[in-house]
All heavy atoms as atom14 arrays in JSON, in Angstrom:
{
  "sequence": "LAMNASGPADAMDQIVASGIPVVFVDSTSSPDA",
  "atom14_mask": [
    [1, 1, 1, 1, 1, 1, 1, 1, 0, 0, 0, 0, 0, 0],
    [1, 1, 1, 1, 1, 0, 0, 0, 0, 0, 0, 0, 0, 0],
    [1, 1, 1, 1, 1, 1, 1, 1, 0, 0, 0, 0, 0, 0],
    [1, 1, 1, 1, 1, 1, 1, 1, 0, 0, 0, 0, 0, 0],
    [1, 1, 1, 1, 1, 0, 0, 0, 0, 0, 0, 0, 0, 0],
    [1, 1, 1, 1, 1, 1, 0, 0, 0, 0, 0, 0, 0, 0],
    [1, 1, 1, 1, 0, 0, 0, 0, 0, 0, 0, 0, 0, 0],
    [1, 1, 1, 1, 1, 1, 1, 0, 0, 0, 0, 0, 0, 0],
    [1, 1, 1, 1, 1, 0, 0, 0, 0, 0, 0, 0, 0, 0],
    [1, 1, 1, 1, 1, 1, 1, 1, 0, 0, 0, 0, 0, 0],
    [1, 1, 1, 1, 1, 0, 0, 0, 0, 0, 0, 0, 0, 0],
    [1, 1, 1, 1, 1, 1, 1, 1, 0, 0, 0, 0, 0, 0],
    [1, 1, 1, 1, 1, 1, 1, 1, 0, 0, 0, 0, 0, 0],
    [1, 1, 1, 1, 1, 1, 1, 1, 1, 0, 0, 0, 0, 0],
    [1, 1, 1, 1, 1, 1, 1, 1, 0, 0, 0, 0, 0, 0],
    [1, 1, 1, 1, 1, 1, 1, 0, 0, 0, 0, 0, 0, 0],
    [1, 1, 1, 1, 1, 0, 0, 0, 0, 0, 0, 0, 0, 0],
    [1, 1, 1, 1, 1, 1, 0, 0, 0, 0, 0, 0, 0, 0],
    [1, 1, 1, 1, 0, 0, 0, 0, 0, 0, 0, 0, 0, 0],
    [1, 1, 1, 1, 1, 1, 1, 1, 0, 0, 0, 0, 0, 0],
    [1, 1, 1, 1, 1, 1, 1, 0, 0, 0, 0, 0, 0, 0],
    [1, 1, 1, 1, 1, 1, 1, 0, 0, 0, 0, 0, 0, 0],
    [1, 1, 1, 1, 1, 1, 1, 0, 0, 0, 0, 0, 0, 0],
    [1, 1, 1, 1, 1, 1, 1, 1, 1, 1, 1, 0, 0, 0],
    [1, 1, 1, 1, 1, 1, 1, 0, 0, 0, 0, 0, 0, 0],
    [1, 1, 1, 1, 1, 1, 1, 1, 0, 0, 0, 0, 0, 0],
    [1, 1, 1, 1, 1, 1, 0, 0, 0, 0, 0, 0, 0, 0],
    [1, 1, 1, 1, 1, 1, 1, 0, 0, 0, 0, 0, 0, 0],
    [1, 1, 1, 1, 1, 1, 0, 0, 0, 0, 0, 0, 0, 0],
    [1, 1, 1, 1, 1, 1, 0, 0, 0, 0, 0, 0, 0, 0],
    [1, 1, 1, 1, 1, 1, 1, 0, 0, 0, 0, 0, 0, 0],
    [1, 1, 1, 1, 1, 1, 1, 1, 0, 0, 0, 0, 0, 0],
    [1, 1, 1, 1, 1, 0, 0, 0, 0, 0, 0, 0, 0, 0]
  ],
  "atom14_positions": [
    [[111.55, 105.26, 113.77], [110.55, 105.7, 112.81], [109.79, 104.47, 112.34], [110.39, 103.54, 111.8], [111.2, 106.42, 111.63], [111.98, 107.69, 111.97], [112.67, 108.24, 110.73], [111.04, 108.74, 112.55], [0.0, 0.0, 0.0], [0.0, 0.0, 0.0], [0.0, 0.0, 0.0], [0.0, 0.0, 0.0], [0.0, 0.0, 0.0], [0.0, 0.0, 0.0]],
    [[108.48, 104.46, 112.52], [107.68, 103.27, 112.22], [106.45, 103.63, 111.42], [105.72, 104.58, 111.78], [107.26, 102.56, 113.51], [0.0, 0.0, 0.0], [0.0, 0.0, 0.0], [0.0, 0.0, 0.0], [0.0, 0.0, 0.0], [0.0, 0.0, 0.0], [0.0, 0.0, 0.0], [0.0, 0.0, 0.0], [0.0, 0.0, 0.0], [0.0, 0.0, 0.0]],
    [[106.21, 102.89, 110.35], [104.95, 103.07, 109.62], [103.79, 102.75, 110.57], [103.9, 101.89, 111.44], [104.9, 102.16, 108.4], [105.94, 102.48, 107.35], [105.81, 104.16, 106.66], [104.36, 104.0, 105.62], [0.0, 0.0, 0.0], [0.0, 0.0, 0.0], [0.0, 0.0, 0.0], [0.0, 0.0, 0.0], [0.0, 0.0, 0.0], [0.0, 0.0, 0.0]],
    [[102.69, 103.45, 110.39], [101.57, 103.31, 111.31], [101.01, 101.89, 111.36], [100.39, 101.48, 112.34], [100.45, 104.28, 110.93], [99.46, 104.5, 112.04], [99.82, 104.52, 113.21], [98.19, 104.65, 111.68], [0.0, 0.0, 0.0], [0.0, 0.0, 0.0], [0.0, 0.0, 0.0], [0.0, 0.0, 0.0], [0.0, 0.0, 0.0], [0.0, 0.0, 0.0]],
    [[101.25, 101.12, 110.28], [100.75, 99.74, 110.22], [101.71, 98.75, 110.88], [101.45, 97.54, 110.85], [100.51, 99.34, 108.77], [0.0, 0.0, 0.0], [0.0, 0.0, 0.0], [0.0, 0.0, 0.0], [0.0, 0.0, 0.0], [0.0, 0.0, 0.0], [0.0, 0.0, 0.0], [0.0, 0.0, 0.0], [0.0, 0.0, 0.0], [0.0, 0.0, 0.0]],
    [[102.78, 99.22, 111.48], [103.75, 98.31, 112.11], [103.11, 97.59, 113.29], [102.21, 98.1, 113.95], [104.98, 99.09, 112.59], [105.6, 99.78, 111.53], [0.0, 0.0, 0.0], [0.0, 0.0, 0.0], [0.0, 0.0, 0.0], [0.0, 0.0, 0.0], [0.0, 0.0, 0.0], [0.0, 0.0, 0.0], [0.0, 0.0, 0.0], [0.0, 0.0, 0.0]],
    [[103.62, 96.41, 113.58], [103.05, 95.65, 114.69], [103.96, 94.48, 115.06], [105.07, 94.35, 114.55], [0.0, 0.0, 0.0], [0.0, 0.0, 0.0], [0.0, 0.0, 0.0], [0.0, 0.0, 0.0], [0.0, 0.0, 0.0], [0.0, 0.0, 0.0], [0.0, 0.0, 0.0], [0.0, 0.0, 0.0], [0.0, 0.0, 0.0], [0.0, 0.0, 0.0]],
    [[103.48, 93.63, 115.99], [102.16, 93.67, 116.62], [102.04, 94.81, 117.64], [103.05, 95.39, 118.05], [102.05, 92.31, 117.31], [103.48, 91.93, 117.58], [104.29, 92.48, 116.45], [0.0, 0.0, 0.0], [0.0, 0.0, 0.0], [0.0, 0.0, 0.0], [0.0, 0.0, 0.0], [0.0, 0.0, 0.0], [0.0, 0.0, 0.0], [0.0, 0.0, 0.0]],
    [[100.8, 95.1, 118.03], [100.54, 96.25, 118.89], [101.28, 96.14, 120.22], [101.82, 97.15, 120.72], [99.04, 96.39, 119.13], [0.0, 0.0, 0.0], [0.0, 0.0, 0.0], [0.0, 0.0, 0.0], [0.0, 0.0, 0.0], [0.0, 0.0, 0.0], [0.0, 0.0, 0.0], [0.0, 0.0, 0.0], [0.0, 0.0, 0.0], [0.0, 0.0, 0.0]],
    [[101.33, 94.94, 120.83], [102.01, 94.77, 122.11], [103.48, 95.15, 122.01], [104.03, 95.81, 122.91], [101.89, 93.33, 122.6], [100.53, 93.03, 123.21], [99.73, 93.98, 123.37], [100.27, 91.85, 123.54], [0.0, 0.0, 0.0], [0.0, 0.0, 0.0], [0.0, 0.0, 0.0], [0.0, 0.0, 0.0], [0.0, 0.0, 0.0], [0.0, 0.0, 0.0]],
    [[104.12, 94.73, 120.92], [105.54, 95.04, 120.75], [105.74, 96.54, 120.57], [106.68, 97.12, 121.14], [106.1, 94.28, 119.55], [0.0, 0.0, 0.0], [0.0, 0.0, 0.0], [0.0, 0.0, 0.0], [0.0, 0.0, 0.0], [0.0, 0.0, 0.0], [0.0, 0.0, 0.0], [0.0, 0.0, 0.0], [0.0, 0.0, 0.0], [0.0, 0.0, 0.0]],
    [[104.88, 97.18, 119.81], [105.02, 98.62, 119.61], [104.77, 99.37, 120.91], [105.44, 100.38, 121.2], [104.07, 99.1, 118.51], [104.3, 98.44, 117.14], [106.03, 98.46, 116.58], [106.36, 100.22, 116.47], [0.0, 0.0, 0.0], [0.0, 0.0, 0.0], [0.0, 0.0, 0.0], [0.0, 0.0, 0.0], [0.0, 0.0, 0.0], [0.0, 0.0, 0.0]],
    [[103.84, 98.89, 121.73], [103.6, 99.51, 123.04], [104.84, 99.41, 123.92], [105.19, 100.35, 124.65], [102.42, 98.84, 123.73], [101.07, 99.2, 123.11], [101.01, 100.19, 122.37], [100.09, 98.48, 123.37], [0.0, 0.0, 0.0], [0.0, 0.0, 0.0], [0.0, 0.0, 0.0], [0.0, 0.0, 0.0], [0.0, 0.0, 0.0], [0.0, 0.0, 0.0]],
    [[105.51, 98.27, 123.87], [106.73, 98.09, 124.66], [107.82, 99.05, 124.2], [108.54, 99.63, 125.02], [107.23, 96.65, 124.52], [106.34, 95.62, 125.2], [106.79, 94.2, 124.86], [107.87, 94.01, 124.33], [105.96, 93.24, 125.2], [0.0, 0.0, 0.0], [0.0, 0.0, 0.0], [0.0, 0.0, 0.0], [0.0, 0.0, 0.0], [0.0, 0.0, 0.0]],
    [[107.92, 99.24, 122.9], [108.94, 100.14, 122.35], [108.64, 101.57, 122.77], [109.55, 102.32, 123.17], [109.0, 99.99, 120.82], [109.52, 98.6, 120.45], [109.9, 101.07, 120.22], [109.38, 98.26, 118.97], [0.0, 0.0, 0.0], [0.0, 0.0, 0.0], [0.0, 0.0, 0.0], [0.0, 0.0, 0.0], [0.0, 0.0, 0.0], [0.0, 0.0, 0.0]],
    [[107.38, 101.98, 122.71], [107.0, 103.31, 123.17], [107.34, 103.49, 124.64], [107.84, 104.53, 125.08], [105.5, 103.56, 122.91], [105.03, 104.84, 123.61], [105.2, 103.64, 121.42], [0.0, 0.0, 0.0], [0.0, 0.0, 0.0], [0.0, 0.0, 0.0], [0.0, 0.0, 0.0], [0.0, 0.0, 0.0], [0.0, 0.0, 0.0], [0.0, 0.0, 0.0]],
    [[107.09, 102.45, 125.44], [107.34, 102.51, 126.88], [108.82, 102.62, 127.22], [109.18, 102.99, 128.34], [106.75, 101.28, 127.57], [0.0, 0.0, 0.0], [0.0, 0.0, 0.0], [0.0, 0.0, 0.0], [0.0, 0.0, 0.0], [0.0, 0.0, 0.0], [0.0, 0.0, 0.0], [0.0, 0.0, 0.0], [0.0, 0.0, 0.0], [0.0, 0.0, 0.0]],
    [[109.7, 102.31, 126.28], [111.14, 102.35, 126.55], [111.65, 103.76, 126.81], [112.71, 103.94, 127.4], [111.91, 101.74, 125.37], [111.9, 102.64, 124.26], [0.0, 0.0, 0.0], [0.0, 0.0, 0.0], [0.0, 0.0, 0.0], [0.0, 0.0, 0.0], [0.0, 0.0, 0.0], [0.0, 0.0, 0.0], [0.0, 0.0, 0.0], [0.0, 0.0, 0.0]],
    [[110.91, 104.76, 126.36], [111.36, 106.13, 126.52], [112.14, 106.65, 125.33], [112.39, 107.85, 125.22], [0.0, 0.0, 0.0], [0.0, 0.0, 0.0], [0.0, 0.0, 0.0], [0.0, 0.0, 0.0], [0.0, 0.0, 0.0], [0.0, 0.0, 0.0], [0.0, 0.0, 0.0], [0.0, 0.0, 0.0], [0.0, 0.0, 0.0], [0.0, 0.0, 0.0]],
    [[112.54, 105.77, 124.41], [113.18, 106.21, 123.17], [112.12, 106.87, 122.3], [111.0, 106.37, 122.18], [113.8, 105.01, 122.43], [114.89, 104.38, 123.29], [114.4, 105.45, 121.08], [115.41, 103.08, 122.74], [0.0, 0.0, 0.0], [0.0, 0.0, 0.0], [0.0, 0.0, 0.0], [0.0, 0.0, 0.0], [0.0, 0.0, 0.0], [0.0, 0.0, 0.0]],
    [[112.42, 108.01, 121.67], [111.43, 108.66, 120.8], [110.97, 107.71, 119.68], [111.79, 107.16, 118.94], [112.18, 109.85, 120.24], [113.25, 110.14, 121.24], [113.67, 108.8, 121.76], [0.0, 0.0, 0.0], [0.0, 0.0, 0.0], [0.0, 0.0, 0.0], [0.0, 0.0, 0.0], [0.0, 0.0, 0.0], [0.0, 0.0, 0.0], [0.0, 0.0, 0.0]],
    [[109.66, 107.52, 119.59], [109.05, 106.71, 118.55], [108.09, 107.59, 117.77], [107.16, 108.17, 118.34], [108.28, 105.5, 119.13], [107.65, 104.68, 118.0], [109.18, 104.64, 119.99], [0.0, 0.0, 0.0], [0.0, 0.0, 0.0], [0.0, 0.0, 0.0], [0.0, 0.0, 0.0], [0.0, 0.0, 0.0], [0.0, 0.0, 0.0], [0.0, 0.0, 0.0]],
    [[108.32, 107.72, 116.48], [107.47, 108.54, 115.62], [106.75, 107.62, 114.64], [107.39, 106.92, 113.85], [108.3, 109.6, 114.86], [107.43, 110.36, 113.86], [108.96, 110.56, 115.83], [0.0, 0.0, 0.0], [0.0, 0.0, 0.0], [0.0, 0.0, 0.0], [0.0, 0.0, 0.0], [0.0, 0.0, 0.0], [0.0, 0.0, 0.0], [0.0, 0.0, 0.0]],
    [[105.41, 107.61, 114.7], [104.62, 106.81, 113.77], [104.33, 107.64, 112.52], [103.95, 108.8, 112.61], [103.32, 106.35, 114.42], [103.52, 105.29, 115.48], [103.53, 105.64, 116.83], [103.71, 103.97, 115.13], [103.73, 104.67, 117.8], [103.91, 102.99, 116.09], [103.92, 103.34, 117.44], [0.0, 0.0, 0.0], [0.0, 0.0, 0.0], [0.0, 0.0, 0.0]],
    [[104.51, 107.0, 111.36], [104.42, 107.68, 110.07], [103.17, 107.21, 109.33], [102.93, 106.0, 109.22], [105.69, 107.41, 109.22], [105.6, 108.12, 107.88], [106.93, 107.85, 109.99], [0.0, 0.0, 0.0], [0.0, 0.0, 0.0], [0.0, 0.0, 0.0], [0.0, 0.0, 0.0], [0.0, 0.0, 0.0], [0.0, 0.0, 0.0], [0.0, 0.0, 0.0]],
    [[102.41, 108.14, 108.81], [101.17, 107.83, 108.09], [101.45, 106.86, 106.95], [102.41, 107.02, 106.2], [100.56, 109.12, 107.54], [99.32, 108.88, 106.73], [98.46, 108.1, 107.17], [99.2, 109.46, 105.62], [0.0, 0.0, 0.0], [0.0, 0.0, 0.0], [0.0, 0.0, 0.0], [0.0, 0.0, 0.0], [0.0, 0.0, 0.0], [0.0, 0.0, 0.0]],
    [[100.58, 105.85, 106.8], [100.78, 104.83, 105.76], [99.71, 104.88, 104.68], [99.51, 103.91, 103.95], [100.82, 103.44, 106.4], [99.66, 103.2, 107.15], [0.0, 0.0, 0.0], [0.0, 0.0, 0.0], [0.0, 0.0, 0.0], [0.0, 0.0, 0.0], [0.0, 0.0, 0.0], [0.0, 0.0, 0.0], [0.0, 0.0, 0.0], [0.0, 0.0, 0.0]],
    [[99.02, 106.02, 104.54], [97.99, 106.16, 103.51], [98.59, 105.95, 102.12], [99.7, 106.4, 101.83], [97.35, 107.56, 103.59], [96.78, 107.73, 104.89], [96.26, 107.72, 102.54], [0.0, 0.0, 0.0], [0.0, 0.0, 0.0], [0.0, 0.0, 0.0], [0.0, 0.0, 0.0], [0.0, 0.0, 0.0], [0.0, 0.0, 0.0], [0.0, 0.0, 0.0]],
    [[97.83, 105.26, 101.26], [98.31, 104.96, 99.9], [97.69, 105.95, 98.91], [96.63, 105.69, 98.32], [97.93, 103.52, 99.52], [98.48, 102.59, 100.42], [0.0, 0.0, 0.0], [0.0, 0.0, 0.0], [0.0, 0.0, 0.0], [0.0, 0.0, 0.0], [0.0, 0.0, 0.0], [0.0, 0.0, 0.0], [0.0, 0.0, 0.0], [0.0, 0.0, 0.0]],
    [[98.34, 107.08, 98.72], [97.86, 108.08, 97.76], [99.02, 108.98, 97.37], [99.99, 109.12, 98.13], [96.73, 108.93, 98.37], [97.24, 109.82, 99.34], [0.0, 0.0, 0.0], [0.0, 0.0, 0.0], [0.0, 0.0, 0.0], [0.0, 0.0, 0.0], [0.0, 0.0, 0.0], [0.0, 0.0, 0.0], [0.0, 0.0, 0.0], [0.0, 0.0, 0.0]],
    [[98.94, 109.62, 96.2], [100.01, 110.55, 95.79], [100.2, 111.68, 96.8], [101.34, 112.04, 97.13], [99.51, 111.08, 94.44], [98.67, 109.98, 93.9], [97.97, 109.4, 95.1], [0.0, 0.0, 0.0], [0.0, 0.0, 0.0], [0.0, 0.0, 0.0], [0.0, 0.0, 0.0], [0.0, 0.0, 0.0], [0.0, 0.0, 0.0], [0.0, 0.0, 0.0]],
    [[99.11, 112.26, 97.29], [99.22, 113.34, 98.25], [99.93, 112.88, 99.52], [100.75, 113.61, 100.09], [97.83, 113.88, 98.58], [97.88, 115.11, 99.48], [98.56, 116.09, 99.11], [97.25, 115.09, 100.55], [0.0, 0.0, 0.0], [0.0, 0.0, 0.0], [0.0, 0.0, 0.0], [0.0, 0.0, 0.0], [0.0, 0.0, 0.0], [0.0, 0.0, 0.0]],
    [[99.62, 111.66, 99.96], [100.25, 111.12, 101.17], [101.75, 110.92, 100.98], [102.52, 111.13, 101.93], [99.59, 109.81, 101.57], [0.0, 0.0, 0.0], [0.0, 0.0, 0.0], [0.0, 0.0, 0.0], [0.0, 0.0, 0.0], [0.0, 0.0, 0.0], [0.0, 0.0, 0.0], [0.0, 0.0, 0.0], [0.0, 0.0, 0.0], [0.0, 0.0, 0.0]]
  ]
}
């Protein structure tokens, strides 16, 4: 589980490519979020 602002992008791409489920979580800063 990773906040959408996680990085760097290359590392996150590698993690996605591993085949392990990766769920990106919205990082909006608001009460509704």
